[in-house]
Protein backbone atom coordinates (compact mmCIF):
# COMPACT_ATOMS: atom_id res chain seq x y z
CA MET A 1 -64.74 -39.48 -11.38
CA LYS A 2 -64.51 -42.76 -12.05
CA THR A 3 -61.06 -45.05 -12.50
CA ARG A 4 -61.84 -45.33 -16.21
CA HIS A 5 -62.05 -42.16 -17.03
CA LEU A 6 -59.19 -40.87 -15.38
CA LEU A 7 -58.19 -43.75 -17.94
CA VAL A 8 -59.22 -42.07 -20.91
CA CYS A 9 -57.61 -38.46 -19.58
CA LEU A 10 -54.31 -40.11 -19.50
CA THR A 11 -54.47 -41.79 -22.86
CA PHE A 12 -56.00 -38.68 -24.25
CA VAL A 13 -52.69 -36.92 -23.00
CA LEU A 14 -50.67 -39.86 -24.86
CA SER A 15 -52.48 -39.68 -28.26
CA LEU A 16 -51.93 -35.79 -27.88
CA LEU A 17 -47.58 -36.31 -27.37
CA LEU A 18 -47.64 -39.10 -30.11
CA TYR A 19 -49.30 -36.38 -32.18
CA ILE A 20 -47.65 -33.59 -31.46
CA ASP A 21 -43.68 -35.30 -31.85
CA ARG A 22 -45.36 -36.84 -35.14
CA ALA A 23 -45.93 -33.45 -36.94
CA CYS A 24 -43.94 -30.95 -35.73
CA ILE A 25 -41.49 -32.72 -38.33
CA SER A 26 -43.99 -30.79 -40.87
CA VAL A 27 -43.69 -27.62 -39.19
CA ALA A 28 -39.50 -28.27 -39.78
CA LYS A 29 -39.54 -28.34 -43.58
CA ASP A 30 -37.86 -25.14 -44.67
CA ASN A 31 -35.13 -25.13 -41.44
CA ILE A 32 -34.33 -29.11 -42.34
CA VAL A 33 -34.40 -29.01 -45.89
CA GLY A 34 -32.69 -25.28 -46.44
CA GLU A 35 -29.27 -27.59 -43.99
CA PHE A 36 -29.30 -30.33 -45.34
CA ASN A 37 -30.28 -28.57 -48.86
CA LEU A 38 -33.06 -31.21 -49.81
CA SER A 39 -35.73 -30.99 -52.47
CA ASP A 40 -39.40 -31.50 -51.38
CA LYS A 41 -39.61 -34.58 -52.89
CA GLN A 42 -36.85 -36.13 -50.09
CA PHE A 43 -38.41 -34.23 -47.90
CA GLY A 44 -41.78 -36.39 -48.58
CA TRP A 45 -39.33 -39.47 -48.53
CA ILE A 46 -38.53 -38.42 -44.76
CA LEU A 47 -42.15 -38.15 -44.03
CA SER A 48 -43.26 -41.27 -46.21
CA ILE A 49 -41.05 -43.55 -44.54
CA PHE A 50 -41.86 -42.47 -40.95
CA THR A 51 -45.06 -44.13 -42.31
CA LEU A 52 -43.61 -47.30 -43.50
CA GLY A 53 -41.88 -48.07 -40.79
CA TYR A 54 -44.98 -47.04 -38.24
CA ALA A 55 -47.31 -50.05 -40.66
CA LEU A 56 -44.51 -52.25 -40.42
CA ALA A 57 -44.90 -52.30 -36.91
CA GLN A 58 -48.42 -52.72 -36.26
CA THR A 59 -49.31 -56.05 -36.37
CA PRO A 60 -46.58 -57.14 -34.44
CA SER A 61 -46.79 -54.38 -31.74
CA GLY A 62 -50.25 -54.97 -31.43
CA ALA A 63 -50.05 -59.02 -30.45
CA MET A 64 -47.36 -57.50 -27.87
CA ALA A 65 -49.62 -55.55 -26.25
CA ASP A 66 -51.95 -58.81 -26.62
CA LYS A 67 -49.25 -61.22 -25.27
CA TYR A 68 -47.67 -58.87 -22.58
CA GLY A 69 -50.20 -56.10 -21.72
CA PRO A 70 -50.65 -52.07 -22.56
CA ARG A 71 -49.20 -51.18 -19.33
CA ARG A 72 -45.87 -52.95 -20.33
CA VAL A 73 -45.82 -52.82 -23.94
CA LEU A 74 -46.67 -48.53 -23.91
CA THR A 75 -44.10 -47.53 -21.31
CA ILE A 76 -41.41 -48.72 -23.68
CA ILE A 77 -42.62 -47.83 -27.07
CA VAL A 78 -43.85 -43.74 -25.23
CA ALA A 79 -39.80 -43.80 -23.79
CA LEU A 80 -38.97 -44.85 -26.65
CA TRP A 81 -40.22 -42.63 -29.34
CA SER A 82 -39.31 -39.85 -27.09
CA ALA A 83 -35.98 -40.22 -27.31
CA LEU A 84 -36.12 -40.54 -31.07
CA THR A 85 -38.16 -37.35 -31.76
CA ALA A 86 -34.98 -35.65 -29.77
CA ILE A 87 -32.11 -38.02 -31.41
CA THR A 88 -34.59 -36.93 -34.47
CA GLY A 89 -32.58 -33.07 -33.40
CA ALA A 90 -29.55 -34.20 -33.56
CA ALA A 91 -29.62 -35.55 -37.54
CA PHE A 92 -26.62 -34.89 -39.22
CA ASN A 93 -27.18 -35.86 -42.46
CA TYR A 94 -29.57 -37.50 -45.30
CA VAL A 95 -29.64 -40.31 -44.44
CA PHE A 96 -29.60 -40.28 -40.48
CA LEU A 97 -32.83 -38.36 -40.89
CA LEU A 98 -34.12 -41.36 -43.24
CA VAL A 99 -33.15 -43.94 -40.82
CA THR A 100 -34.07 -42.06 -37.61
CA ARG A 101 -37.78 -41.48 -38.74
CA PHE A 102 -38.04 -45.36 -40.45
CA VAL A 103 -37.16 -46.43 -36.76
CA PHE A 104 -38.93 -43.62 -34.76
CA GLY A 105 -42.37 -44.33 -37.41
CA ALA A 106 -42.36 -48.76 -35.83
CA ALA A 107 -41.41 -47.48 -32.74
CA GLU A 108 -44.69 -45.49 -32.63
CA ALA A 109 -46.57 -48.02 -33.78
CA GLY A 110 -48.07 -49.80 -30.76
CA ALA A 111 -50.08 -46.76 -29.51
CA PHE A 112 -53.39 -47.56 -30.61
CA PRO A 113 -53.93 -51.13 -30.64
CA SER A 114 -52.74 -50.98 -27.05
CA PHE A 115 -55.30 -48.13 -26.79
CA ALA A 116 -57.42 -50.42 -28.37
CA ARG A 117 -56.75 -53.32 -25.87
CA ALA A 118 -57.09 -51.51 -23.18
CA THR A 119 -60.21 -50.62 -24.59
CA PHE A 120 -61.10 -53.85 -24.39
CA SER A 121 -60.52 -54.22 -20.85
CA TRP A 122 -61.11 -51.61 -19.04
CA PHE A 123 -64.57 -50.56 -20.65
CA PRO A 124 -68.56 -51.46 -21.56
CA VAL A 125 -68.97 -52.27 -25.17
CA LYS A 126 -71.22 -49.36 -24.92
CA GLU A 127 -68.65 -46.65 -24.73
CA ARG A 128 -66.05 -48.00 -26.72
CA GLY A 129 -67.60 -45.55 -29.40
CA LEU A 130 -67.10 -42.32 -27.57
CA VAL A 131 -63.99 -43.53 -26.04
CA THR A 132 -61.98 -43.95 -28.51
CA GLY A 133 -63.44 -41.28 -30.53
CA ILE A 134 -62.23 -39.11 -27.47
CA ASN A 135 -58.66 -40.67 -27.84
CA PHE A 136 -58.74 -39.98 -31.66
CA SER A 137 -59.88 -36.27 -31.37
CA ALA A 138 -56.22 -35.83 -29.21
CA SER A 139 -54.23 -37.30 -31.95
CA ARG A 140 -56.20 -34.39 -33.99
CA LEU A 141 -55.57 -32.00 -31.06
CA GLY A 142 -51.80 -32.74 -31.12
CA ALA A 143 -51.37 -32.53 -34.49
CA ALA A 144 -53.26 -29.14 -34.61
CA LEU A 145 -50.83 -27.90 -31.66
CA ALA A 146 -47.69 -29.13 -33.07
CA LEU A 147 -48.28 -26.64 -36.18
CA PRO A 148 -48.39 -23.10 -33.85
CA LEU A 149 -46.52 -24.57 -31.19
CA MET A 150 -44.23 -25.17 -33.37
CA VAL A 151 -43.54 -22.43 -35.03
CA GLY A 152 -42.56 -20.36 -31.60
CA LEU A 153 -40.64 -23.70 -30.08
CA ILE A 154 -37.99 -23.34 -33.43
CA GLU A 155 -38.16 -19.16 -32.48
CA ALA A 156 -37.42 -20.21 -28.79
CA ALA A 157 -34.59 -23.09 -29.51
CA GLY A 158 -34.36 -23.62 -32.94
CA TRP A 159 -35.59 -26.27 -34.63
CA ARG A 160 -33.19 -28.66 -33.34
CA GLY A 161 -33.66 -27.31 -29.31
CA SER A 162 -37.57 -27.56 -29.71
CA PHE A 163 -37.16 -31.32 -30.89
CA TYR A 164 -35.49 -32.23 -27.64
CA ILE A 165 -37.38 -30.61 -25.25
CA LEU A 166 -40.02 -32.52 -26.93
CA GLY A 167 -38.33 -35.92 -25.88
CA ALA A 168 -38.22 -34.73 -22.45
CA ILE A 169 -41.33 -34.52 -21.82
CA GLY A 170 -42.39 -37.67 -23.26
CA VAL A 171 -39.79 -39.40 -21.35
CA VAL A 172 -42.10 -38.43 -18.09
CA ILE A 173 -45.20 -38.91 -19.76
CA ALA A 174 -43.98 -42.70 -19.85
CA VAL A 175 -43.13 -42.60 -16.25
CA ILE A 176 -46.48 -41.49 -15.44
CA TRP A 177 -48.50 -44.38 -17.46
CA TRP A 178 -45.92 -46.95 -15.66
CA PHE A 179 -46.52 -46.25 -12.44
CA TRP A 180 -50.59 -45.89 -12.63
CA PHE A 181 -52.01 -47.80 -14.86
CA ARG A 182 -52.53 -51.64 -14.62
CA ASP A 183 -53.77 -54.10 -17.14
CA GLU A 184 -56.67 -55.57 -15.98
CA PRO A 185 -59.01 -52.54 -14.20
CA ALA A 186 -60.09 -55.07 -11.41
CA ASP A 187 -55.97 -54.32 -9.82
CA HIS A 188 -56.24 -51.09 -9.66
CA LYS A 189 -56.19 -49.91 -6.37
CA LEU A 190 -58.24 -46.65 -7.54
CA MET A 191 -60.71 -49.31 -8.28
CA SER A 192 -64.02 -49.03 -6.59
CA ASP A 193 -65.81 -53.23 -6.32
CA ARG A 194 -68.87 -51.35 -8.07
CA GLU A 195 -67.04 -49.64 -10.79
CA ARG A 196 -64.97 -53.00 -11.18
CA ASP A 197 -68.07 -55.28 -11.24
CA TYR A 198 -69.92 -53.12 -13.31
CA ILE A 199 -67.04 -52.80 -16.38
CA LEU A 200 -66.54 -56.86 -15.69
CA GLU A 201 -70.24 -57.42 -16.80
CA ASN A 202 -70.80 -55.26 -19.20
CA ARG A 203 -67.32 -56.12 -21.11
CA GLN A 204 -66.74 -57.46 -24.01
CA LYS A 205 -67.17 -61.23 -23.73
CA VAL A 206 -64.94 -63.95 -25.24
CA VAL A 207 -66.50 -67.01 -26.46
CA ALA A 208 -65.03 -70.74 -24.52
CA SER A 209 -64.23 -71.82 -26.92
CA ALA A 210 -62.00 -68.99 -28.15
CA SER A 211 -58.02 -69.79 -28.73
CA VAL A 212 -55.83 -68.10 -26.27
CA LYS A 213 -53.31 -67.76 -28.81
CA LEU A 214 -54.08 -66.35 -32.14
CA LYS A 215 -52.43 -68.10 -35.30
CA VAL A 216 -50.90 -65.65 -38.64
CA SER A 217 -52.95 -67.94 -41.40
CA GLU A 218 -56.33 -67.19 -39.10
CA LEU A 219 -55.54 -63.49 -39.14
CA LEU A 220 -54.62 -63.55 -42.89
CA SER A 221 -57.73 -65.11 -43.70
CA SER A 222 -59.81 -62.84 -41.64
CA GLY A 223 -62.73 -61.74 -43.88
CA PRO A 224 -64.23 -58.88 -42.10
CA LEU A 225 -60.32 -57.58 -41.35
CA LYS A 226 -59.35 -57.34 -45.33
CA LEU A 227 -62.59 -54.92 -45.79
CA ALA A 228 -61.31 -53.12 -42.87
CA MET A 229 -57.84 -52.40 -44.15
CA VAL A 230 -59.15 -51.38 -47.26
CA GLN A 231 -61.31 -48.55 -45.86
CA TYR A 232 -58.71 -47.69 -43.51
CA PHE A 233 -55.91 -47.53 -46.31
CA CYS A 234 -58.77 -44.64 -47.37
CA SER A 235 -59.18 -42.67 -44.64
CA ASN A 236 -55.57 -42.43 -43.72
CA PHE A 237 -54.81 -41.41 -47.52
CA THR A 238 -57.41 -38.69 -46.47
CA PHE A 239 -56.11 -37.45 -43.27
CA PHE A 240 -52.03 -37.56 -43.68
CA PHE A 241 -52.16 -34.93 -46.39
CA CYS A 242 -53.21 -32.50 -43.10
CA LEU A 243 -50.55 -33.89 -41.74
CA GLY A 244 -47.84 -33.99 -43.74
CA TRP A 245 -48.28 -31.48 -46.28
CA LEU A 246 -51.08 -28.28 -45.61
CA PHE A 247 -48.56 -26.52 -43.84
CA PRO A 248 -46.12 -26.17 -46.52
CA TYR A 249 -49.86 -26.45 -49.02
CA VAL A 250 -51.01 -23.75 -47.48
CA LYS A 251 -47.92 -21.27 -46.65
CA GLU A 252 -46.80 -21.79 -50.43
CA THR A 253 -50.25 -21.84 -52.62
CA TYR A 254 -51.58 -18.74 -50.39
CA ASN A 255 -48.09 -16.90 -49.77
CA LEU A 256 -48.25 -16.93 -45.85
CA THR A 257 -46.05 -16.20 -43.33
CA ALA A 258 -44.98 -19.61 -40.69
CA ALA A 259 -47.16 -17.77 -38.24
CA ASN A 260 -50.25 -17.88 -40.13
CA ALA A 261 -49.12 -20.89 -41.55
CA GLY A 262 -49.46 -22.74 -38.87
CA LEU A 263 -52.87 -21.16 -37.46
CA VAL A 264 -54.31 -21.92 -40.99
CA ALA A 265 -53.28 -24.87 -41.14
CA ALA A 266 -54.64 -26.07 -37.60
CA VAL A 267 -58.36 -25.49 -38.28
CA PRO A 268 -58.59 -28.73 -40.86
CA LEU A 269 -57.29 -30.84 -37.60
CA LEU A 270 -59.77 -28.90 -35.68
CA GLY A 271 -62.39 -30.37 -37.45
CA GLY A 272 -60.92 -34.00 -37.51
CA ALA A 273 -61.04 -33.95 -33.51
CA VAL A 274 -64.85 -32.91 -33.62
CA GLY A 275 -65.81 -35.62 -35.68
CA ASN A 276 -63.67 -38.46 -33.96
CA CYS A 277 -65.70 -36.69 -31.22
CA PHE A 278 -69.14 -36.41 -33.05
CA SER A 279 -68.79 -40.04 -34.68
CA GLY A 280 -68.06 -42.17 -30.49
CA TRP A 281 -71.32 -40.46 -29.53
CA LEU A 282 -72.96 -41.47 -32.53
CA VAL A 283 -71.55 -44.89 -32.08
CA ASP A 284 -72.75 -45.60 -29.07
CA ARG A 285 -76.14 -43.54 -29.51
CA ILE A 286 -76.98 -46.09 -32.65
CA TYR A 287 -75.34 -49.29 -30.77
CA SER A 288 -78.20 -48.07 -27.13
CA GLY A 289 -80.83 -48.73 -29.86
CA LYS A 290 -80.26 -52.13 -30.38
CA ARG A 291 -78.34 -51.67 -33.88
CA PRO A 292 -74.84 -53.00 -33.71
CA GLU A 293 -74.13 -53.16 -37.41
CA LEU A 294 -75.17 -49.64 -38.31
CA SER A 295 -74.06 -48.23 -35.47
CA ARG A 296 -70.49 -48.98 -37.32
CA ARG A 297 -71.33 -48.14 -40.81
CA VAL A 298 -73.54 -45.15 -40.87
CA PRO A 299 -71.02 -42.81 -39.52
CA ALA A 300 -67.94 -44.31 -41.31
CA VAL A 301 -70.19 -43.99 -44.58
CA VAL A 302 -71.58 -40.67 -43.52
CA GLY A 303 -67.92 -39.24 -43.25
CA PHE A 304 -66.67 -41.22 -46.31
CA LEU A 305 -69.20 -38.76 -48.03
CA LEU A 306 -67.99 -35.31 -46.26
CA ALA A 307 -64.39 -36.11 -47.03
CA ALA A 308 -64.89 -36.89 -51.06
CA LEU A 309 -67.13 -33.66 -51.46
CA GLY A 310 -65.45 -31.52 -49.48
CA LEU A 311 -61.62 -32.68 -50.94
CA LEU A 312 -63.32 -32.14 -54.81
CA VAL A 313 -64.64 -28.13 -53.31
CA SER A 314 -61.78 -27.46 -51.84
CA VAL A 315 -59.04 -27.48 -54.26
CA HIS A 316 -61.04 -25.24 -56.63
CA MET A 317 -61.10 -22.32 -54.01
CA GLU A 318 -59.35 -19.59 -54.67
CA THR A 319 -58.72 -18.00 -51.31
CA VAL A 320 -57.44 -19.30 -47.98
CA GLY A 321 -60.39 -18.68 -46.38
CA PRO A 322 -63.48 -20.72 -48.32
CA ALA A 323 -60.63 -23.70 -49.35
CA ILE A 324 -60.02 -24.61 -45.41
CA PHE A 325 -63.76 -24.43 -44.68
CA PHE A 326 -64.17 -27.53 -47.77
CA LEU A 327 -61.19 -28.85 -46.45
CA THR A 328 -62.13 -28.60 -42.90
CA ILE A 329 -65.30 -30.46 -43.41
CA ALA A 330 -63.25 -32.73 -45.19
CA VAL A 331 -61.00 -34.17 -42.36
CA PHE A 332 -64.11 -33.79 -40.02
CA GLY A 333 -65.50 -36.62 -42.41
CA ALA A 334 -62.40 -38.83 -42.50
CA ASP A 335 -61.95 -38.46 -38.99
CA MET A 336 -65.72 -39.65 -38.71
CA THR A 337 -64.97 -43.25 -39.76
CA LEU A 338 -61.93 -43.72 -36.67
CA SER A 339 -64.15 -44.20 -34.12
CA PRO A 340 -66.59 -47.39 -35.80
CA SER A 341 -63.35 -48.45 -38.06
CA TRP A 342 -61.43 -49.15 -34.17
CA SER A 343 -65.15 -50.15 -32.58
CA TYR A 344 -65.31 -52.37 -35.65
CA CYS A 345 -61.33 -54.27 -35.01
CA VAL A 346 -62.17 -54.43 -31.55
CA ASP A 347 -65.50 -56.28 -32.51
CA ILE A 348 -64.49 -58.99 -34.56
CA GLY A 349 -60.61 -59.01 -32.65
CA GLY A 350 -62.28 -59.61 -29.17
CA ARG A 351 -59.32 -60.77 -26.58
CA HIS A 352 -56.98 -60.18 -30.03
CA ALA A 353 -58.18 -56.59 -30.80
CA GLY A 354 -54.55 -55.62 -30.55
CA ALA A 355 -53.74 -57.39 -33.44
CA TYR A 356 -56.31 -57.04 -35.27
CA SER A 357 -56.73 -53.19 -34.95
CA GLY A 358 -52.80 -52.78 -35.57
CA THR A 359 -53.20 -55.43 -38.88
CA MET A 360 -55.85 -52.98 -39.99
CA ASN A 361 -53.90 -49.71 -38.93
CA MET A 362 -50.90 -51.02 -40.64
CA ALA A 363 -53.06 -50.50 -43.67
CA GLY A 364 -54.09 -47.47 -42.89
CA ASN A 365 -50.37 -46.04 -42.95
CA ILE A 366 -49.65 -47.68 -45.69
CA GLY A 367 -52.03 -45.13 -47.23
CA SER A 368 -49.92 -42.69 -45.51
CA PHE A 369 -47.12 -43.40 -46.96
CA ALA A 370 -48.53 -43.48 -50.52
CA THR A 371 -49.84 -39.96 -49.73
CA ALA A 372 -46.30 -38.44 -48.69
CA LEU A 373 -45.24 -39.43 -51.68
CA ALA A 374 -48.41 -39.02 -53.87
CA PHE A 375 -48.51 -35.26 -53.26
CA PRO A 376 -45.30 -33.98 -54.46
CA TYR A 377 -44.97 -36.80 -57.72
CA LEU A 378 -48.70 -36.19 -58.64
CA LYS A 379 -48.65 -31.65 -58.11
CA ASP A 380 -45.49 -32.35 -59.99
CA ALA A 381 -46.90 -34.63 -62.94
CA PHE A 382 -49.92 -33.32 -63.15
CA GLY A 383 -50.72 -30.39 -60.74
CA VAL A 384 -52.22 -29.97 -57.49
CA GLU A 385 -55.97 -31.38 -58.56
CA ALA A 386 -54.65 -35.05 -59.57
CA PHE A 387 -53.51 -35.21 -55.69
CA PHE A 388 -57.28 -33.86 -55.01
CA TYR A 389 -58.88 -35.96 -57.44
CA VAL A 390 -57.20 -39.36 -56.39
CA ALA A 391 -58.57 -38.88 -52.69
CA ALA A 392 -61.88 -38.43 -53.52
CA VAL A 393 -61.93 -41.60 -55.14
CA LEU A 394 -60.93 -42.96 -52.20
CA ASN A 395 -62.54 -42.00 -50.63
CA VAL A 396 -65.49 -43.20 -53.29
CA VAL A 397 -63.91 -46.70 -52.96
CA ALA A 398 -64.58 -46.74 -48.62
CA ILE A 399 -68.12 -46.07 -49.02
CA VAL A 400 -68.54 -49.24 -51.27
CA THR A 401 -66.56 -51.52 -48.95
CA TRP A 402 -68.62 -50.53 -45.44
CA THR A 403 -71.92 -52.00 -47.67
CA ARG A 404 -70.26 -55.60 -47.40
CA MET A 405 -68.65 -54.87 -44.27
CA LYS A 406 -70.52 -56.98 -41.15
CA SER A 407 -70.24 -56.46 -37.32
CA PRO A 408 -71.19 -58.88 -35.03
CA GLN A 409 -74.41 -58.75 -33.59
CA LEU A 410 -72.39 -57.90 -29.96
CA LYS A 411 -74.43 -57.60 -26.45
CA ASP A 412 -72.81 -56.32 -23.19
CA ALA A 413 -73.12 -59.80 -21.22
CA THR A 414 -72.92 -62.37 -24.28
CA ALA A 415 -72.60 -66.37 -23.17
């Protein structure tokens, strides 16, 4: 196995852990709500405060990955978010949970921007889509695993003990990352001369005039980045429902046991994992046909269309099976948009891929913040259908946005 493929395996594990730690609180909802006597709206704030911290720290953490390298940055943030996972288990009141989850979100923020920066350095342009898709498929698998896994862990160790166990696992993985990874492929001892030369020859080149230091004004004035932010807000609005509210939604709506709800709620997330891999393959396939702009746009537009249709049909299903089937189509579609979105950000960001992708992800997680609160509030005010209609409309907005997004005419080796 080539060294860069081993890197994909390690980032896959990191992404898996990231979403297990993030999604586990959804399964612990009944325990937490019962112990601290919270309402659904208060629990919604626990979910949303995480995404707010995550969103606000995206651009700074992405810039840190660009400046200090993914090796150092990921080691620190994986250890930190793992410690905060354990600290969540020590919560003693509602305010403590809010503060911990906010800092927890900020700590996790640098993960995917760091992956993007590592992808820029380690992979040829024509492999970028599939690598991104694999990493995001791990995040969906992690969320899917977290649902049934946490049910068992909570039964065995209690909700607090389950958070302690997950925190300890994360610290071990952070140590492994530090000792194995290097920011430049040429510095890795396992890298063969042949693979190193292949990577350096075929990865994205940066024009000599490109500034080494990214100016904030340059970032904020980027038209392509603004469009990427809009469509990513819409994508995350759909997905975060599955991460934060799907488990309690199916459990209550269809009167399921916790174990059955965990299995049922995992299905759309597994669909998302498949959507990520398929989209990553499609991005690279279209790119290989010398159509770089379409390689980003087509998978994204198809994905948003599937997401809108799946949401509109799912909410009108009266039994859990058909509802989950169409919701799985929606999440498959929503996750088809991730690989083109992040590939697009690496395209336009170049050596500043961390900052560009972090800024896009900031907008996406403002969408997650909105979802965490929109679901309980819209449900109480207008019924659960209102949330699904809003999410569907946002997917249509994203389709329109992608018709205006232009991707650089990249070549595997440019001057």
